[in-house]
């Protein structure tokens, strides 16, 4: 049995690759942000700038949540669609 790539499958594979690369880049960026995150309690005014930096960092990390979900779901759905198309093509080749 020989697999043939239709133009639709090639397009889906390219879009899947874009989503997957985007997801990987977002995860790397988020992990570099959380690497600098501290769990500390700032009580005095002298360390107020540290607290401000922490809240900005947490805001950036929280802003990445929705894009990570979108890229992850998109990558997963496109992978399932591609696999389904290959299975469908293989089942039709048997008949």
PDB file of N, CA and C in Angstrom:
ATOM      1  N   UNK A   1       0.852  -1.170   0.000  1.00  0.00           N
ATOM      2  CA  UNK A   1       0.000   0.000   0.000  1.00  0.00           C
ATOM      3  C   UNK A   1       0.902   1.239   0.000  1.00  0.00           C
ATOM      4  N   UNK A   2       0.560   2.159  -0.865  1.00  0.00           N
ATOM      5  CA  UNK A   2       1.351   3.377  -0.987  1.00  0.00           C
ATOM      6  C   UNK A   2       0.492   4.568  -0.583  1.00  0.00           C
ATOM      7  N   UNK A   3       1.074   5.420   0.281  1.00  0.00           N
ATOM      8  CA  UNK A   3       0.360   6.613   0.719  1.00  0.00           C
ATOM      9  C   UNK A   3       0.513   7.694  -0.331  1.00  0.00           C
ATOM     10  N   UNK A   4      -0.573   8.342  -0.642  1.00  0.00           N
ATOM     11  CA  UNK A   4      -0.506   9.472  -1.565  1.00  0.00           C
ATOM     12  C   UNK A   4      -0.951  10.722  -0.814  1.00  0.00           C
ATOM     13  N   UNK A   5      -0.195  11.760  -1.008  1.00  0.00           N
ATOM     14  CA  UNK A   5      -0.494  13.036  -0.359  1.00  0.00           C
ATOM     15  C   UNK A   5      -1.322  13.877  -1.312  1.00  0.00           C
ATOM     16  N   UNK A   6      -2.555  14.122  -0.955  1.00  0.00           N
ATOM     17  CA  UNK A   6      -3.400  15.001  -1.747  1.00  0.00           C
ATOM     18  C   UNK A   6      -3.053  16.454  -1.397  1.00  0.00           C
ATOM     19  N   UNK A   7      -3.420  17.393  -2.262  1.00  0.00           N
ATOM     20  CA  UNK A   7      -3.133  18.806  -1.936  1.00  0.00           C
ATOM     21  C   UNK A   7      -3.774  19.252  -0.620  1.00  0.00           C
ATOM     22  N   UNK A   8      -4.952  18.720  -0.309  1.00  0.00           N
ATOM     23  CA  UNK A   8      -5.598  19.053   0.959  1.00  0.00           C
ATOM     24  C   UNK A   8      -4.769  18.562   2.145  1.00  0.00           C
ATOM     25  N   UNK A   9      -4.241  17.351   2.032  1.00  0.00           N
ATOM     26  CA  UNK A   9      -3.431  16.795   3.116  1.00  0.00           C
ATOM     27  C   UNK A   9      -2.117  17.564   3.274  1.00  0.00           C
ATOM     28  N   UNK A  10      -1.535  17.988   2.180  1.00  0.00           N
ATOM     29  CA  UNK A  10      -0.303  18.783   2.254  1.00  0.00           C
ATOM     30  C   UNK A  10      -0.587  20.111   2.941  1.00  0.00           C
ATOM     31  N   UNK A  11      -1.689  20.744   2.580  1.00  0.00           N
ATOM     32  CA  UNK A  11      -2.068  22.012   3.225  1.00  0.00           C
ATOM     33  C   UNK A  11      -2.323  21.832   4.707  1.00  0.00           C
ATOM     34  N   UNK A  12      -3.045  20.763   5.073  1.00  0.00           N
ATOM     35  CA  UNK A  12      -3.298  20.490   6.489  1.00  0.00           C
ATOM     36  C   UNK A  12      -2.006  20.205   7.241  1.00  0.00           C
ATOM     37  N   UNK A  13      -1.078  19.494   6.598  1.00  0.00           N
ATOM     38  CA  UNK A  13       0.204  19.199   7.250  1.00  0.00           C
ATOM     39  C   UNK A  13       1.003  20.477   7.480  1.00  0.00           C
ATOM     40  N   UNK A  14       0.950  21.406   6.537  1.00  0.00           N
ATOM     41  CA  UNK A  14       1.659  22.677   6.698  1.00  0.00           C
ATOM     42  C   UNK A  14       1.036  23.486   7.833  1.00  0.00           C
ATOM     43  N   UNK A  15      -0.286  23.554   7.862  1.00  0.00           N
ATOM     44  CA  UNK A  15      -0.966  24.295   8.927  1.00  0.00           C
ATOM     45  C   UNK A  15      -0.699  23.637  10.278  1.00  0.00           C
ATOM     46  N   UNK A  16      -0.700  22.305  10.319  1.00  0.00           N
ATOM     47  CA  UNK A  16      -0.381  21.593  11.557  1.00  0.00           C
ATOM     48  C   UNK A  16       1.045  21.929  12.013  1.00  0.00           C
ATOM     49  N   UNK A  17       1.987  21.973  11.072  1.00  0.00           N
ATOM     50  CA  UNK A  17       3.361  22.319  11.410  1.00  0.00           C
ATOM     51  C   UNK A  17       3.477  23.726  11.978  1.00  0.00           C
ATOM     52  N   UNK A  18       2.733  24.666  11.406  1.00  0.00           N
ATOM     53  CA  UNK A  18       2.754  26.042  11.903  1.00  0.00           C
ATOM     54  C   UNK A  18       2.197  26.095  13.322  1.00  0.00           C
ATOM     55  N   UNK A  19       1.072  25.406  13.560  1.00  0.00           N
ATOM     56  CA  UNK A  19       0.489  25.383  14.897  1.00  0.00           C
ATOM     57  C   UNK A  19       1.428  24.727  15.901  1.00  0.00           C
ATOM     58  N   UNK A  20       2.068  23.647  15.507  1.00  0.00           N
ATOM     59  CA  UNK A  20       2.958  22.939  16.425  1.00  0.00           C
ATOM     60  C   UNK A  20       4.198  23.765  16.756  1.00  0.00           C
ATOM     61  N   UNK A  21       4.784  24.400  15.750  1.00  0.00           N
ATOM     62  CA  UNK A  21       5.954  25.260  15.999  1.00  0.00           C
ATOM     63  C   UNK A  21       5.555  26.444  16.883  1.00  0.00           C
ATOM     64  N   UNK A  22       4.389  27.030  16.610  1.00  0.00           N
ATOM     65  CA  UNK A  22       3.908  28.124  17.456  1.00  0.00           C
ATOM     66  C   UNK A  22       3.699  27.685  18.893  1.00  0.00           C
ATOM     67  N   UNK A  23       3.137  26.495  19.082  1.00  0.00           N
ATOM     68  CA  UNK A  23       2.938  25.963  20.434  1.00  0.00           C
ATOM     69  C   UNK A  23       4.269  25.752  21.145  1.00  0.00           C
ATOM     70  N   UNK A  24       5.236  25.196  20.449  1.00  0.00           N
ATOM     71  CA  UNK A  24       6.544  24.958  21.056  1.00  0.00           C
ATOM     72  C   UNK A  24       7.204  26.281  21.450  1.00  0.00           C
ATOM     73  N   UNK A  25       7.127  27.273  20.576  1.00  0.00           N
ATOM     74  CA  UNK A  25       7.722  28.575  20.886  1.00  0.00           C
ATOM     75  C   UNK A  25       7.033  29.235  22.081  1.00  0.00           C
ATOM     76  N   UNK A  26       5.703  29.142  22.149  1.00  0.00           N
ATOM     77  CA  UNK A  26       4.984  29.703  23.292  1.00  0.00           C
ATOM     78  C   UNK A  26       5.353  28.994  24.590  1.00  0.00           C
ATOM     79  N   UNK A  27       5.485  27.681  24.539  1.00  0.00           N
ATOM     80  CA  UNK A  27       5.858  26.932  25.748  1.00  0.00           C
ATOM     81  C   UNK A  27       7.273  27.263  26.202  1.00  0.00           C
ATOM     82  N   UNK A  28       8.177  27.443  25.254  1.00  0.00           N
ATOM     83  CA  UNK A  28       9.550  27.823  25.616  1.00  0.00           C
ATOM     84  C   UNK A  28       9.566  29.212  26.238  1.00  0.00           C
ATOM     85  N   UNK A  29       8.822  30.146  25.634  1.00  0.00           N
ATOM     86  CA  UNK A  29       8.771  31.505  26.166  1.00  0.00           C
ATOM     87  C   UNK A  29       8.164  31.522  27.568  1.00  0.00           C
ATOM     88  N   UNK A  30       7.078  30.762  27.758  1.00  0.00           N
ATOM     89  CA  UNK A  30       6.438  30.720  29.071  1.00  0.00           C
ATOM     90  C   UNK A  30       7.368  30.090  30.114  1.00  0.00           C
ATOM     91  N   UNK A  31       8.117  29.078  29.720  1.00  0.00           N
ATOM     92  CA  UNK A  31       9.025  28.459  30.691  1.00  0.00           C
ATOM     93  C   UNK A  31      10.179  29.389  31.050  1.00  0.00           C
ATOM     94  N   UNK A  32      10.641  30.216  30.115  1.00  0.00           N
ATOM     95  CA  UNK A  32      11.697  31.173  30.470  1.00  0.00           C
ATOM     96  C   UNK A  32      11.156  32.252  31.403  1.00  0.00           C
ATOM     97  N   UNK A  33       9.877  32.614  31.232  1.00  0.00           N
ATOM     98  CA  UNK A  33       9.290  33.588  32.146  1.00  0.00           C
ATOM     99  C   UNK A  33       9.129  33.006  33.547  1.00  0.00           C
ATOM    100  N   UNK A  34       8.643  31.793  33.637  1.00  0.00           N
ATOM    101  CA  UNK A  34       8.411  31.200  34.958  1.00  0.00           C
ATOM    102  C   UNK A  34       9.710  30.804  35.641  1.00  0.00           C
ATOM    103  N   UNK A  35      10.791  30.716  34.885  1.00  0.00           N
ATOM    104  CA  UNK A  35      12.083  30.420  35.489  1.00  0.00           C
ATOM    105  C   UNK A  35      12.510  31.561  36.427  1.00  0.00           C
ATOM    106  N   UNK A  36      12.094  32.785  36.090  1.00  0.00           N
ATOM    107  CA  UNK A  36      12.468  33.952  36.881  1.00  0.00           C
ATOM    108  C   UNK A  36      11.457  34.276  37.970  1.00  0.00           C
ATOM    109  N   UNK A  37      10.399  33.487  38.054  1.00  0.00           N
ATOM    110  CA  UNK A  37       9.345  33.755  39.027  1.00  0.00           C
ATOM    111  C   UNK A  37       9.797  33.328  40.420  1.00  0.00           C
ATOM    112  N   UNK A  38       9.554  34.191  41.384  1.00  0.00           N
ATOM    113  CA  UNK A  38       9.892  33.907  42.769  1.00  0.00           C
ATOM    114  C   UNK A  38       8.620  33.811  43.584  1.00  0.00           C
ATOM    115  N   UNK A  39       8.663  32.961  44.592  1.00  0.00           N
ATOM    116  CA  UNK A  39       7.562  32.915  45.541  1.00  0.00           C
ATOM    117  C   UNK A  39       8.065  33.550  46.821  1.00  0.00           C
ATOM    118  N   UNK A  40       7.843  34.843  46.912  1.00  0.00           N
ATOM    119  CA  UNK A  40       8.334  35.598  48.063  1.00  0.00           C
ATOM    120  C   UNK A  40       7.256  36.559  48.527  1.00  0.00           C
ATOM    121  N   UNK A  41       7.367  36.949  49.756  1.00  0.00           N
ATOM    122  CA  UNK A  41       6.436  37.901  50.344  1.00  0.00           C
ATOM    123  C   UNK A  41       7.204  39.186  50.621  1.00  0.00           C
ATOM    124  N   UNK A  42       6.761  40.279  49.999  1.00  0.00           N
ATOM    125  CA  UNK A  42       7.437  41.558  50.160  1.00  0.00           C
ATOM    126  C   UNK A  42       6.645  42.404  51.151  1.00  0.00           C
ATOM    127  N   UNK A  43       7.256  42.711  52.276  1.00  0.00           N
ATOM    128  CA  UNK A  43       6.549  43.409  53.347  1.00  0.00           C
ATOM    129  C   UNK A  43       6.894  44.891  53.458  1.00  0.00           C
ATOM    130  N   UNK A  44       8.090  45.264  53.083  1.00  0.00           N
ATOM    131  CA  UNK A  44       8.477  46.661  53.271  1.00  0.00           C
ATOM    132  C   UNK A  44       8.468  47.407  51.929  1.00  0.00           C
ATOM    133  N   UNK A  45       8.558  48.722  52.024  1.00  0.00           N
ATOM    134  CA  UNK A  45       8.538  49.571  50.839  1.00  0.00           C
ATOM    135  C   UNK A  45       9.838  49.494  50.053  1.00  0.00           C
ATOM    136  N   UNK A  46      10.907  49.055  50.681  1.00  0.00           N
ATOM    137  CA  UNK A  46      12.200  48.986  49.994  1.00  0.00           C
ATOM    138  C   UNK A  46      12.180  47.942  48.876  1.00  0.00           C
ATOM    139  N   UNK A  47      11.388  46.930  49.028  1.00  0.00           N
ATOM    140  CA  UNK A  47      11.331  45.893  48.000  1.00  0.00           C
ATOM    141  C   UNK A  47      10.059  45.983  47.156  1.00  0.00           C
ATOM    142  N   UNK A  48       9.473  47.155  47.097  1.00  0.00           N
ATOM    143  CA  UNK A  48       8.251  47.346  46.311  1.00  0.00           C
ATOM    144  C   UNK A  48       8.516  47.153  44.819  1.00  0.00           C
ATOM    145  N   UNK A  49       9.710  47.520  44.348  1.00  0.00           N
ATOM    146  CA  UNK A  49      10.027  47.332  42.932  1.00  0.00           C
ATOM    147  C   UNK A  49      10.097  45.847  42.573  1.00  0.00           C
ATOM    148  N   UNK A  50      10.556  45.018  43.520  1.00  0.00           N
ATOM    149  CA  UNK A  50      10.580  43.578  43.280  1.00  0.00           C
ATOM    150  C   UNK A  50       9.169  43.013  43.172  1.00  0.00           C
ATOM    151  N   UNK A  51       8.288  43.529  44.021  1.00  0.00           N
ATOM    152  CA  UNK A  51       6.906  43.087  43.963  1.00  0.00           C
ATOM    153  C   UNK A  51       6.259  43.510  42.642  1.00  0.00           C
ATOM    154  N   UNK A  52       6.574  44.698  42.176  1.00  0.00           N
ATOM    155  CA  UNK A  52       6.036  45.180  40.909  1.00  0.00           C
ATOM    156  C   UNK A  52       6.522  44.313  39.745  1.00  0.00           C
ATOM    157  N   UNK A  53       7.813  43.960  39.769  1.00  0.00           N
ATOM    158  CA  UNK A  53       8.360  43.079  38.736  1.00  0.00           C
ATOM    159  C   UNK A  53       7.663  41.719  38.751  1.00  0.00           C
ATOM    160  N   UNK A  54       7.399  41.194  39.954  1.00  0.00           N
ATOM    161  CA  UNK A  54       6.727  39.899  40.086  1.00  0.00           C
ATOM    162  C   UNK A  54       5.317  39.947  39.524  1.00  0.00           C
ATOM    163  N   UNK A  55       4.581  41.006  39.831  1.00  0.00           N
ATOM    164  CA  UNK A  55       3.210  41.096  39.323  1.00  0.00           C
ATOM    165  C   UNK A  55       3.190  41.258  37.804  1.00  0.00           C
ATOM    166  N   UNK A  56       4.154  41.979  37.243  1.00  0.00           N
ATOM    167  CA  UNK A  56       4.251  42.101  35.794  1.00  0.00           C
ATOM    168  C   UNK A  56       4.567  40.751  35.157  1.00  0.00           C
ATOM    169  N   UNK A  57       5.431  39.995  35.790  1.00  0.00           N
ATOM    170  CA  UNK A  57       5.800  38.680  35.291  1.00  0.00           C
ATOM    171  C   UNK A  57       4.607  37.723  35.326  1.00  0.00           C
ATOM    172  N   UNK A  58       3.870  37.755  36.402  1.00  0.00           N
ATOM    173  CA  UNK A  58       2.692  36.893  36.530  1.00  0.00           C
ATOM    174  C   UNK A  58       1.631  37.296  35.507  1.00  0.00           C
ATOM    175  N   UNK A  59       1.497  38.588  35.246  1.00  0.00           N
ATOM    176  CA  UNK A  59       0.551  39.061  34.243  1.00  0.00           C
ATOM    177  C   UNK A  59       0.928  38.545  32.853  1.00  0.00           C
ATOM    178  N   UNK A  60       2.219  38.574  32.522  1.00  0.00           N
ATOM    179  CA  UNK A  60       2.680  38.061  31.231  1.00  0.00           C
ATOM    180  C   UNK A  60       2.396  36.569  31.098  1.00  0.00           C
ATOM    181  N   UNK A  61       2.667  35.818  32.150  1.00  0.00           N
ATOM    182  CA  UNK A  61       2.441  34.376  32.118  1.00  0.00           C
ATOM    183  C   UNK A  61       0.952  34.085  31.973  1.00  0.00           C
ATOM    184  N   UNK A  62       0.109  34.809  32.687  1.00  0.00           N
ATOM    185  CA  UNK A  62      -1.331  34.587  32.595  1.00  0.00           C
ATOM    186  C   UNK A  62      -1.883  34.959  31.219  1.00  0.00           C
ATOM    187  N   UNK A  63      -1.288  35.958  30.580  1.00  0.00           N
ATOM    188  CA  UNK A  63      -1.722  36.347  29.247  1.00  0.00           C
ATOM    189  C   UNK A  63      -1.417  35.276  28.207  1.00  0.00           C
ATOM    190  N   UNK A  64      -0.443  34.423  28.473  1.00  0.00           N
ATOM    191  CA  UNK A  64      -0.068  33.371  27.530  1.00  0.00           C
ATOM    192  C   UNK A  64      -0.974  32.145  27.618  1.00  0.00           C
ATOM    193  N   UNK A  65      -1.834  32.073  28.602  1.00  0.00           N
ATOM    194  CA  UNK A  65      -2.643  30.878  28.810  1.00  0.00           C
ATOM    195  C   UNK A  65      -3.560  30.597  27.623  1.00  0.00           C
ATOM    196  N   UNK A  66      -4.286  31.592  27.156  1.00  0.00           N
ATOM    197  CA  UNK A  66      -5.235  31.384  26.052  1.00  0.00           C
ATOM    198  C   UNK A  66      -4.519  31.025  24.746  1.00  0.00           C
ATOM    199  N   UNK A  67      -3.453  31.733  24.350  1.00  0.00           N
ATOM    200  CA  UNK A  67      -2.764  31.309  23.121  1.00  0.00           C
ATOM    201  C   UNK A  67      -2.189  29.893  23.210  1.00  0.00           C
ATOM    202  N   UNK A  68      -1.697  29.489  24.374  1.00  0.00           N
ATOM    203  CA  UNK A  68      -1.174  28.131  24.514  1.00  0.00           C
ATOM    204  C   UNK A  68      -2.302  27.120  24.322  1.00  0.00           C
ATOM    205  N   UNK A  69      -3.467  27.384  24.890  1.00  0.00           N
ATOM    206  CA  UNK A  69      -4.613  26.485  24.719  1.00  0.00           C
ATOM    207  C   UNK A  69      -5.035  26.422  23.255  1.00  0.00           C
ATOM    208  N   UNK A  70      -5.095  27.560  22.588  1.00  0.00           N
ATOM    209  CA  UNK A  70      -5.533  27.600  21.190  1.00  0.00           C
ATOM    210  C   UNK A  70      -4.555  26.839  20.300  1.00  0.00           C
ATOM    211  N   UNK A  71      -3.274  27.109  20.455  1.00  0.00           N
ATOM    212  CA  UNK A  71      -2.280  26.432  19.628  1.00  0.00           C
ATOM    213  C   UNK A  71      -2.218  24.941  19.951  1.00  0.00           C
ATOM    214  N   UNK A  72      -2.354  24.571  21.213  1.00  0.00           N
ATOM    215  CA  UNK A  72      -2.351  23.157  21.587  1.00  0.00           C
ATOM    216  C   UNK A  72      -3.555  22.424  21.037  1.00  0.00           C
ATOM    217  N   UNK A  73      -4.728  23.012  21.177  1.00  0.00           N
ATOM    218  CA  UNK A  73      -5.946  22.384  20.652  1.00  0.00           C
ATOM    219  C   UNK A  73      -5.904  22.311  19.125  1.00  0.00           C
ATOM    220  N   UNK A  74      -5.451  23.385  18.490  1.00  0.00           N
ATOM    221  CA  UNK A  74      -5.353  23.387  17.032  1.00  0.00           C
ATOM    222  C   UNK A  74      -4.398  22.325  16.523  1.00  0.00           C
ATOM    223  N   UNK A  75      -3.264  22.207  17.177  1.00  0.00           N
ATOM    224  CA  UNK A  75      -2.287  21.198  16.779  1.00  0.00           C
ATOM    225  C   UNK A  75      -2.850  19.792  16.966  1.00  0.00           C
ATOM    226  N   UNK A  76      -3.509  19.559  18.083  1.00  0.00           N
ATOM    227  CA  UNK A  76      -4.081  18.236  18.339  1.00  0.00           C
ATOM    228  C   UNK A  76      -5.191  17.880  17.373  1.00  0.00           C
ATOM    229  N   UNK A  77      -6.079  18.823  17.105  1.00  0.00           N
ATOM    230  CA  UNK A  77      -7.195  18.562  16.185  1.00  0.00           C
ATOM    231  C   UNK A  77      -6.683  18.315  14.775  1.00  0.00           C
ATOM    232  N   UNK A  78      -5.739  19.127  14.326  1.00  0.00           N
ATOM    233  CA  UNK A  78      -5.198  18.934  12.977  1.00  0.00           C
ATOM    234  C   UNK A  78      -4.456  17.610  12.850  1.00  0.00           C
ATOM    235  N   UNK A  79      -3.759  17.191  13.899  1.00  0.00           N
ATOM    236  CA  UNK A  79      -3.084  15.895  13.869  1.00  0.00           C
ATOM    237  C   UNK A  79      -4.105  14.765  13.774  1.00  0.00           C
ATOM    238  N   UNK A  80      -5.200  14.869  14.529  1.00  0.00           N
ATOM    239  CA  UNK A  80      -6.245  13.847  14.448  1.00  0.00           C
ATOM    240  C   UNK A  80      -6.907  13.818  13.075  1.00  0.00           C
ATOM    241  N   UNK A  81      -7.128  14.987  12.480  1.00  0.00           N
ATOM    242  CA  UNK A  81      -7.729  15.044  11.143  1.00  0.00           C
ATOM    243  C   UNK A  81      -6.795  14.407  10.115  1.00  0.00           C
ATOM    244  N   UNK A  82      -5.507  14.716  10.192  1.00  0.00           N
ATOM    245  CA  UNK A  82      -4.543  14.110   9.269  1.00  0.00           C
ATOM    246  C   UNK A  82      -4.493  12.596   9.438  1.00  0.00           C
ATOM    247  N   UNK A  83      -4.462  12.130  10.681  1.00  0.00           N
ATOM    248  CA  UNK A  83      -4.432  10.689  10.928  1.00  0.00           C
ATOM    249  C   UNK A  83      -5.710  10.038  10.404  1.00  0.00           C
ATOM    250  N   UNK A  84      -6.853  10.687  10.608  1.00  0.00           N
ATOM    251  CA  UNK A  84      -8.112  10.163  10.089  1.00  0.00           C
ATOM    252  C   UNK A  84      -8.123  10.082   8.579  1.00  0.00           C
ATOM    253  N   UNK A  85      -7.540  11.083   7.935  1.00  0.00           N
ATOM    254  CA  UNK A  85      -7.479  11.061   6.473  1.00  0.00           C
ATOM    255  C   UNK A  85      -6.587   9.935   5.965  1.00  0.00           C
ATOM    256  N   UNK A  86      -5.475   9.698   6.652  1.00  0.00           N
ATOM    257  CA  UNK A  86      -4.600   8.588   6.271  1.00  0.00           C
ATOM    258  C   UNK A  86      -5.299   7.250   6.482  1.00  0.00           C
ATOM    259  N   UNK A  87      -6.004   7.103   7.587  1.00  0.00           N
ATOM    260  CA  UNK A  87      -6.724   5.852   7.856  1.00  0.00           C
ATOM    261  C   UNK A  87      -7.827   5.640   6.818  1.00  0.00           C
ATOM    262  N   UNK A  88      -8.575   6.691   6.524  1.00  0.00           N
ATOM    263  CA  UNK A  88      -9.632   6.607   5.518  1.00  0.00           C
ATOM    264  C   UNK A  88      -9.067   6.221   4.164  1.00  0.00           C
ATOM    265  N   UNK A  89      -7.946   6.824   3.802  1.00  0.00           N
ATOM    266  CA  UNK A  89      -7.299   6.508   2.537  1.00  0.00           C
ATOM    267  C   UNK A  89      -6.825   5.051   2.522  1.00  0.00           C
ATOM    268  N   UNK A  90      -6.289   4.589   3.639  1.00  0.00           N
ATOM    269  CA  UNK A  90      -5.839   3.204   3.704  1.00  0.00           C
ATOM    270  C   UNK A  90      -6.983   2.209   3.639  1.00  0.00           C
ATOM    271  N   UNK A  91      -8.098   2.529   4.292  1.00  0.00           N
ATOM    272  CA  UNK A  91      -9.253   1.636   4.226  1.00  0.00           C
ATOM    273  C   UNK A  91      -9.860   1.590   2.836  1.00  0.00           C
ATOM    274  N   UNK A  92      -9.865   2.700   2.135  1.00  0.00           N
ATOM    275  CA  UNK A  92     -10.391   2.716   0.771  1.00  0.00           C
ATOM    276  C   UNK A  92      -9.461   1.986  -0.198  1.00  0.00           C
ATOM    277  N   UNK A  93      -8.168   1.959   0.085  1.00  0.00           N
ATOM    278  CA  UNK A  93      -7.214   1.262  -0.779  1.00  0.00           C
ATOM    279  C   UNK A  93      -7.364  -0.248  -0.650  1.00  0.00           C
ATOM    280  N   UNK A  94      -7.837  -0.716   0.490  1.00  0.00           N
ATOM    281  CA  UNK A  94      -7.996  -2.156   0.715  1.00  0.00           C
ATOM    282  C   UNK A  94      -9.155  -2.694  -0.117  1.00  0.00           C
ATOM    283  N   UNK A  95     -10.198  -1.921  -0.253  1.00  0.00           N
ATOM    284  CA  UNK A  95     -11.401  -2.390  -0.959  1.00  0.00           C
ATOM    285  C   UNK A  95     -11.190  -2.511  -2.431  1.00  0.00           C
TER     286      UNK A  95
END
